[in-house]
Protein backbone atom coordinates (compact mmCIF):
# COMPACT_ATOMS: atom_id res chain seq x y z
CA MET A 1 159.91 -41.06 59.92
CA GLU A 2 158.28 -37.98 58.48
CA THR A 3 157.73 -37.85 54.74
CA ARG A 4 160.22 -35.02 54.26
CA GLN A 5 162.87 -36.97 56.16
CA ALA A 6 162.25 -40.10 54.10
CA ILE A 7 162.59 -38.12 50.85
CA ALA A 8 165.87 -36.56 51.98
CA ALA A 9 167.27 -39.83 53.37
CA ARG A 10 166.33 -42.11 50.47
CA ARG A 11 169.35 -43.11 48.41
CA ALA A 12 170.08 -45.78 45.83
CA VAL A 13 171.94 -48.38 47.88
CA LYS A 14 173.87 -51.15 46.11
CA GLN A 15 175.17 -53.39 48.92
CA TYR A 16 172.75 -55.46 51.02
CA ASP A 17 172.86 -58.13 53.70
CA PRO A 18 172.01 -61.34 51.80
CA LYS A 19 171.09 -63.10 55.06
CA HIS A 20 168.38 -60.64 56.03
CA THR A 21 164.77 -61.55 55.27
CA MET A 22 161.69 -59.38 55.46
CA SER A 23 158.64 -60.74 57.23
CA GLU A 24 155.51 -61.56 55.28
CA ASP A 25 153.72 -58.78 57.14
CA GLU A 26 156.37 -56.27 56.05
CA ILE A 27 156.17 -57.40 52.44
CA ARG A 28 152.39 -57.23 52.43
CA GLU A 29 152.46 -53.76 54.02
CA ILE A 30 154.94 -52.32 51.54
CA LEU A 31 153.03 -53.71 48.56
CA SER A 32 149.72 -52.49 49.97
CA LEU A 33 151.17 -49.01 50.32
CA ALA A 34 152.43 -49.11 46.75
CA MET A 35 148.93 -49.97 45.60
CA LEU A 36 147.73 -46.63 46.97
CA SER A 37 149.79 -44.90 44.27
CA PRO A 38 147.67 -42.95 41.79
CA THR A 39 146.95 -44.13 38.26
CA ALA A 40 145.08 -42.35 35.47
CA PHE A 41 141.39 -43.22 35.53
CA ASN A 42 142.18 -45.46 38.52
CA ILE A 43 143.04 -48.31 36.14
CA GLN A 44 145.69 -49.67 38.54
CA ASN A 45 147.76 -50.94 35.64
CA TRP A 46 150.90 -51.81 37.62
CA ARG A 47 151.78 -55.44 38.29
CA PHE A 48 154.34 -56.21 40.98
CA VAL A 49 156.37 -59.36 40.26
CA VAL A 50 157.89 -60.34 43.61
CA VAL A 51 160.71 -62.74 42.81
CA ARG A 52 161.20 -65.23 45.65
CA ASP A 53 162.76 -68.20 43.85
CA GLN A 54 166.51 -67.97 44.46
CA ASP A 55 167.48 -69.75 41.27
CA LEU A 56 165.33 -67.36 39.27
CA ARG A 57 166.91 -64.42 41.05
CA ARG A 58 170.35 -65.71 40.10
CA ARG A 59 169.31 -65.95 36.47
CA ILE A 60 167.85 -62.45 36.61
CA ARG A 61 171.13 -61.26 38.11
CA VAL A 62 172.94 -62.58 35.03
CA ALA A 63 170.50 -60.60 32.86
CA ALA A 64 171.23 -57.56 35.05
CA TRP A 65 174.94 -57.57 34.30
CA ASP A 66 175.75 -59.41 37.54
CA GLN A 67 174.64 -56.61 39.83
CA ALA A 68 174.79 -58.08 43.34
CA GLN A 69 171.74 -56.29 44.72
CA VAL A 70 169.48 -58.45 42.53
CA THR A 71 170.24 -61.50 44.69
CA ASP A 72 171.47 -59.90 47.92
CA ALA A 73 168.57 -57.57 48.68
CA SER A 74 165.75 -58.98 50.78
CA LEU A 75 163.15 -58.15 48.16
CA LEU A 76 163.29 -57.99 44.37
CA ILE A 77 160.24 -56.41 42.76
CA ILE A 78 159.90 -56.18 39.00
CA LEU A 79 157.47 -53.38 38.24
CA CYS A 80 155.45 -54.26 35.16
CA ALA A 81 152.30 -52.80 33.68
CA ASP A 82 149.34 -54.28 31.88
CA LEU A 83 149.06 -52.15 28.75
CA LYS A 84 145.47 -53.29 28.26
CA ALA A 85 144.25 -52.82 31.82
CA TRP A 86 142.04 -49.99 30.55
CA GLU A 87 139.83 -52.42 28.62
CA LYS A 88 139.81 -55.39 31.00
CA GLN A 89 136.51 -55.02 32.85
CA PRO A 90 137.10 -51.33 33.60
CA GLN A 91 133.90 -51.18 35.66
CA ARG A 92 135.94 -52.87 38.43
CA TYR A 93 137.90 -49.67 38.96
CA TRP A 94 134.75 -47.63 39.59
CA ARG A 95 132.41 -50.16 41.16
CA ASN A 96 131.94 -48.04 44.30
CA ALA A 97 131.22 -44.82 42.41
CA PRO A 98 127.69 -43.48 41.81
CA ARG A 99 126.05 -44.65 38.59
CA GLU A 100 126.28 -41.19 37.00
CA VAL A 101 130.04 -41.18 37.58
CA GLN A 102 130.41 -44.64 36.05
CA ASP A 103 128.31 -43.63 33.06
CA PHE A 104 130.69 -40.75 32.41
CA ILE A 105 134.08 -42.28 33.25
CA LEU A 106 133.85 -45.68 31.56
CA PRO A 107 133.32 -44.29 28.02
CA ALA A 108 136.02 -41.70 28.77
CA ILE A 109 138.53 -44.46 29.55
CA ASP A 110 137.80 -46.19 26.27
CA HIS A 111 138.07 -42.94 24.32
CA TYR A 112 141.37 -42.00 25.95
CA TYR A 113 143.20 -45.29 25.29
CA ARG A 114 141.64 -47.16 22.36
CA GLY A 115 143.91 -47.26 19.34
CA LYS A 116 146.59 -45.19 21.11
CA GLU A 117 149.46 -47.56 21.84
CA GLN A 118 151.93 -44.81 22.71
CA VAL A 119 149.49 -43.34 25.22
CA GLN A 120 149.03 -46.79 26.77
CA ARG A 121 152.81 -47.25 27.11
CA ASP A 122 153.42 -43.72 28.39
CA GLU A 123 150.74 -44.21 31.03
CA ALA A 124 152.28 -47.53 32.05
CA MET A 125 155.66 -45.91 32.64
CA ARG A 126 154.17 -43.03 34.59
CA SER A 127 152.18 -45.39 36.80
CA CYS A 128 155.15 -47.65 37.52
CA GLY A 129 157.43 -44.69 38.23
CA ILE A 130 155.02 -43.30 40.79
CA ALA A 131 154.60 -46.74 42.40
CA ALA A 132 158.36 -47.24 42.51
CA GLN A 133 158.83 -44.01 44.45
CA THR A 134 156.07 -45.06 46.84
CA LEU A 135 157.86 -48.37 47.42
CA MET A 136 161.18 -46.66 48.10
CA LEU A 137 159.77 -44.08 50.49
CA ALA A 138 157.75 -46.73 52.31
CA ALA A 139 160.89 -48.85 52.60
CA LYS A 140 162.84 -45.94 54.08
CA ASP A 141 160.08 -45.29 56.59
CA MET A 142 160.23 -48.99 57.61
CA GLY A 143 163.99 -48.84 58.18
CA TYR A 144 165.05 -50.36 54.86
CA ASP A 145 167.05 -49.10 51.94
CA SER A 146 166.26 -49.50 48.26
CA CYS A 147 167.52 -49.08 44.73
CA PRO A 148 165.60 -48.46 41.48
CA MET A 149 167.13 -50.33 38.54
CA ASP A 150 166.87 -50.25 34.79
CA GLY A 151 170.28 -51.78 34.16
CA PHE A 152 169.21 -55.14 32.76
CA ASP A 153 168.24 -56.89 29.56
CA PHE A 154 164.51 -56.19 29.41
CA ALA A 155 163.77 -58.87 26.83
CA GLN A 156 165.69 -61.54 28.69
CA VAL A 157 164.03 -60.72 32.01
CA GLY A 158 160.67 -60.74 30.27
CA ARG A 159 161.32 -64.27 29.10
CA LEU A 160 162.45 -65.36 32.57
CA ILE A 161 159.23 -64.16 34.20
CA ASN A 162 156.94 -65.22 31.35
CA LEU A 163 155.85 -61.63 30.73
CA PRO A 164 152.51 -61.60 28.88
CA GLU A 165 152.54 -60.02 25.43
CA ASP A 166 150.29 -57.16 26.53
CA HIS A 167 152.52 -56.28 29.50
CA VAL A 168 155.71 -54.24 29.71
CA ILE A 169 158.54 -54.07 32.25
CA ALA A 170 159.29 -50.60 33.61
CA LEU A 171 162.02 -51.13 36.21
CA PHE A 172 163.18 -53.14 39.23
CA VAL A 173 163.10 -51.98 42.83
CA VAL A 174 165.23 -53.88 45.34
CA ILE A 175 164.71 -53.43 49.07
CA GLY A 176 166.73 -54.66 52.02
CA LYS A 177 169.19 -53.99 54.82
CA ALA A 178 172.17 -52.02 53.64
CA VAL A 179 175.64 -53.18 54.63
CA GLN A 180 177.29 -50.08 53.19
CA PRO A 181 175.83 -46.58 52.91
CA ALA A 182 175.28 -45.00 49.54
CA LEU A 183 178.08 -42.90 48.13
CA PRO A 184 177.77 -39.15 48.69
CA ARG A 185 175.41 -37.46 46.27
CA GLY A 186 177.23 -36.89 43.01
CA GLY A 187 176.04 -33.33 42.64
CA GLN A 188 172.62 -31.75 42.66
CA LEU A 189 171.80 -29.13 40.06
CA PRO A 190 170.82 -25.72 41.41
CA LEU A 191 167.09 -25.10 41.77
CA GLN A 192 167.12 -22.26 39.27
CA GLU A 193 168.44 -24.60 36.57
CA VAL A 194 165.61 -27.09 36.82
CA VAL A 195 162.62 -24.92 37.77
CA VAL A 196 160.98 -23.08 34.88
CA GLU A 197 158.48 -20.36 35.66
CA ASP A 198 155.53 -20.21 33.30
CA ALA A 199 157.29 -21.14 30.06
CA PHE A 200 160.71 -21.92 28.59
CA SER A 201 162.70 -19.03 27.20
CA GLN A 202 162.73 -18.67 23.40
CA GLU A 203 166.38 -17.66 23.42
């Protein structure tokens, strides 16, 4: 499927075949594609929690207001981010770069993030959002449907997955075989309402 087709065809699907399983090769491929998503300074701060344990998925479903896709989809991925990835051996992210690039970029990473908790969190959310879209488009290309989710108790899910203190949950993405198509689009805003040329009006 061409990229433009995948973008147009991707919808948030809620009903999945609970008997369908994805192969290990498919799961590895979709996660590997997600890891090609861009991150600022290449810090690769996303962490993909792939929930396989069925009892855990049932408990997460309770924390997600009993939404069936949490247990019925073939794959449940909790997109988290390491807020401190920027300071955890950052030379790893640039180990293949020339020395002069490393000498410039590593201090720049420290300067950009140190002491700036809001920047760290904002960057985490941006990174996970981009990775989530990559997962969903990759899924569509592979013949699967998906749904991004933020309808859950973040604190409760954090406890269930033993979320480290320096990590944050951004959203879920479920992937699987749809048993019902998505509802028709609720209504797209016109292009001229959402595209601003140059600057917002002062009126």
